[in-house]
Amino acid sequence: MARAATTSDAFNAVAEPRRREILNFIALQERPVGEIVDRLGMEQPSVSKHLRVLLEVGLVNVRRDGRRMLYRTNAEAIRPLHEWTETFERYWRHQLSRVKERAERKSNPSNDSAPDFISRRKDDLDSNKN
């Protein structure tokens, strides 16, 4: 089966790790291409290509400031990605809680040594005989 184009949707666009790195870097503040290149240690043509893909799927916004183009993550467009990954976050949080509980039980066996039966007094046993 052929792989979907990276520009077909946000999910395919963020499959590339460098694009996720760019999105993280421009999430809180507008940045020009040159600053992205310098801070992330990527080549300028590569950054421009990744920004073009992110722009085409709507994950970044761009505005012109004189001769500079400033890029920023489009938080609204990322919402579907966040909502989809939330499902897995809840699953893993639950799994990690279960692992933690098991580890705590194993590291503290005195809490786990309680009998699985209900203790009864002699009088209770005698009354059952009648």
Protein backbone atom coordinates (compact mmCIF):
# COMPACT_ATOMS: atom_id res chain seq x y z
CA MET A 1 0.00 0.00 0.00
CA ALA A 2 1.36 3.42 -0.93
CA ARG A 3 2.12 5.82 1.87
CA ALA A 4 -0.02 8.96 2.04
CA ALA A 5 1.61 12.23 1.07
CA THR A 6 2.94 14.23 4.01
CA THR A 7 0.78 17.12 2.88
CA SER A 8 -2.45 15.14 2.92
CA ASP A 9 -3.25 15.78 6.59
CA ALA A 10 -1.82 16.85 9.93
CA PHE A 11 -1.17 13.28 11.07
CA ASN A 12 1.08 12.55 8.12
CA ALA A 13 2.82 15.91 8.47
CA VAL A 14 3.79 15.33 12.11
CA ALA A 15 5.03 11.82 11.38
CA GLU A 16 8.36 13.46 10.51
CA PRO A 17 10.34 14.08 13.77
CA ARG A 18 11.96 17.31 12.52
CA ARG A 19 8.55 18.79 11.85
CA ARG A 20 7.48 18.00 15.40
CA GLU A 21 10.68 19.66 16.61
CA ILE A 22 9.88 22.77 14.59
CA LEU A 23 6.30 22.83 15.91
CA ASN A 24 7.57 22.64 19.48
CA PHE A 25 10.05 25.43 18.90
CA ILE A 26 7.53 27.85 17.39
CA ALA A 27 4.66 26.91 19.70
CA LEU A 28 4.96 29.81 22.13
CA GLN A 29 6.47 32.53 19.99
CA GLU A 30 6.65 33.61 16.38
CA ARG A 31 10.04 32.89 14.87
CA PRO A 32 11.73 33.71 11.57
CA VAL A 33 13.21 30.90 9.49
CA GLY A 34 16.78 32.01 10.33
CA GLU A 35 16.18 31.63 14.06
CA ILE A 36 14.66 28.18 13.57
CA VAL A 37 17.70 27.18 11.50
CA ASP A 38 20.15 28.46 14.12
CA ARG A 39 18.42 27.05 17.20
CA LEU A 40 17.57 23.63 15.77
CA GLY A 41 20.80 23.15 13.83
CA MET A 42 19.06 22.33 10.58
CA GLU A 43 19.84 23.50 7.06
CA GLN A 44 17.79 26.45 5.82
CA PRO A 45 16.35 24.64 2.76
CA SER A 46 15.25 21.77 4.98
CA VAL A 47 13.54 24.11 7.48
CA SER A 48 11.80 25.95 4.63
CA LYS A 49 10.58 22.65 3.16
CA HIS A 50 9.23 21.45 6.51
CA LEU A 51 7.55 24.79 7.18
CA ARG A 52 5.90 24.65 3.75
CA VAL A 53 4.45 21.21 4.54
CA LEU A 54 3.24 22.35 7.96
CA LEU A 55 1.72 25.46 6.38
CA GLU A 56 -0.08 23.42 3.69
CA VAL A 57 -1.80 21.24 6.29
CA GLY A 58 -2.60 24.27 8.46
CA LEU A 59 -0.41 23.43 11.46
CA VAL A 60 1.48 26.73 11.28
CA ASN A 61 0.52 30.30 10.60
CA VAL A 62 2.80 32.77 8.87
CA ARG A 63 2.82 36.54 8.78
CA ARG A 64 5.08 38.98 7.02
CA ASP A 65 6.98 41.55 9.06
CA GLY A 66 8.84 43.70 6.53
CA ARG A 67 11.10 41.28 4.69
CA ARG A 68 10.85 38.56 7.31
CA MET A 69 8.33 35.74 7.44
CA LEU A 70 7.37 34.83 11.01
CA TYR A 71 6.01 31.35 11.74
CA ARG A 72 4.00 30.15 14.71
CA THR A 73 2.21 26.92 15.59
CA ASN A 74 -1.54 27.00 14.91
CA ALA A 75 -2.88 25.58 18.18
CA GLU A 76 -6.44 25.14 16.88
CA ALA A 77 -5.25 22.96 14.01
CA ILE A 78 -3.31 20.77 16.45
CA ARG A 79 -6.40 20.11 18.58
CA PRO A 80 -7.46 16.97 16.63
CA LEU A 81 -3.97 15.53 17.12
CA HIS A 82 -4.14 16.26 20.82
CA GLU A 83 -7.61 14.76 21.20
CA TRP A 84 -6.57 11.61 19.36
CA THR A 85 -3.42 11.12 21.45
CA GLU A 86 -5.40 11.75 24.67
CA THR A 87 -6.97 8.31 24.27
CA PHE A 88 -3.57 6.70 24.43
CA GLU A 89 -2.45 8.97 27.24
CA ARG A 90 -5.35 7.76 29.39
CA TYR A 91 -4.54 4.16 28.51
CA TRP A 92 -0.88 4.50 29.45
CA ARG A 93 -1.68 6.44 32.62
CA HIS A 94 -3.94 3.54 33.67
CA GLN A 95 -1.28 0.97 32.76
CA LEU A 96 1.41 2.85 34.69
CA SER A 97 -0.88 3.07 37.73
CA ARG A 98 -1.32 -0.71 37.63
CA VAL A 99 2.45 -1.25 37.37
CA LYS A 100 2.99 1.12 40.30
CA GLU A 101 0.41 -0.72 42.43
CA ARG A 102 2.03 -4.08 41.70
CA ALA A 103 5.49 -2.75 42.48
CA GLU A 104 4.28 -1.27 45.76
CA ARG A 105 2.64 -4.56 46.74
CA LYS A 106 5.83 -6.49 45.98
CA SER A 107 8.05 -4.03 47.83
CA ASN A 108 5.81 -4.03 50.91
CA PRO A 109 4.70 -7.66 51.43
CA SER A 110 3.42 -7.01 54.97
CA ASN A 111 0.36 -5.26 53.52
CA ASP A 112 -0.33 -8.19 51.22
CA SER A 113 -0.06 -10.90 53.89
CA ALA A 114 -3.58 -10.42 55.19
CA PRO A 115 -5.62 -13.62 54.92
CA ASP A 116 -8.13 -13.87 52.12
CA PHE A 117 -10.75 -15.32 54.49
CA ILE A 118 -12.85 -13.70 57.19
CA SER A 119 -11.79 -14.68 60.66
CA ARG A 120 -14.57 -15.93 62.90
CA ARG A 121 -14.89 -16.12 66.61
CA LYS A 122 -15.47 -19.45 68.35
CA ASP A 123 -18.99 -18.37 69.30
CA ASP A 124 -19.86 -17.79 65.62
CA LEU A 125 -18.67 -21.29 64.74
CA ASP A 126 -20.62 -22.86 67.59
CA SER A 127 -23.81 -21.10 66.55
CA ASN A 128 -23.44 -22.50 63.02
CA LYS A 129 -23.53 -26.06 64.38
CA ASN A 130 -27.14 -25.72 65.51
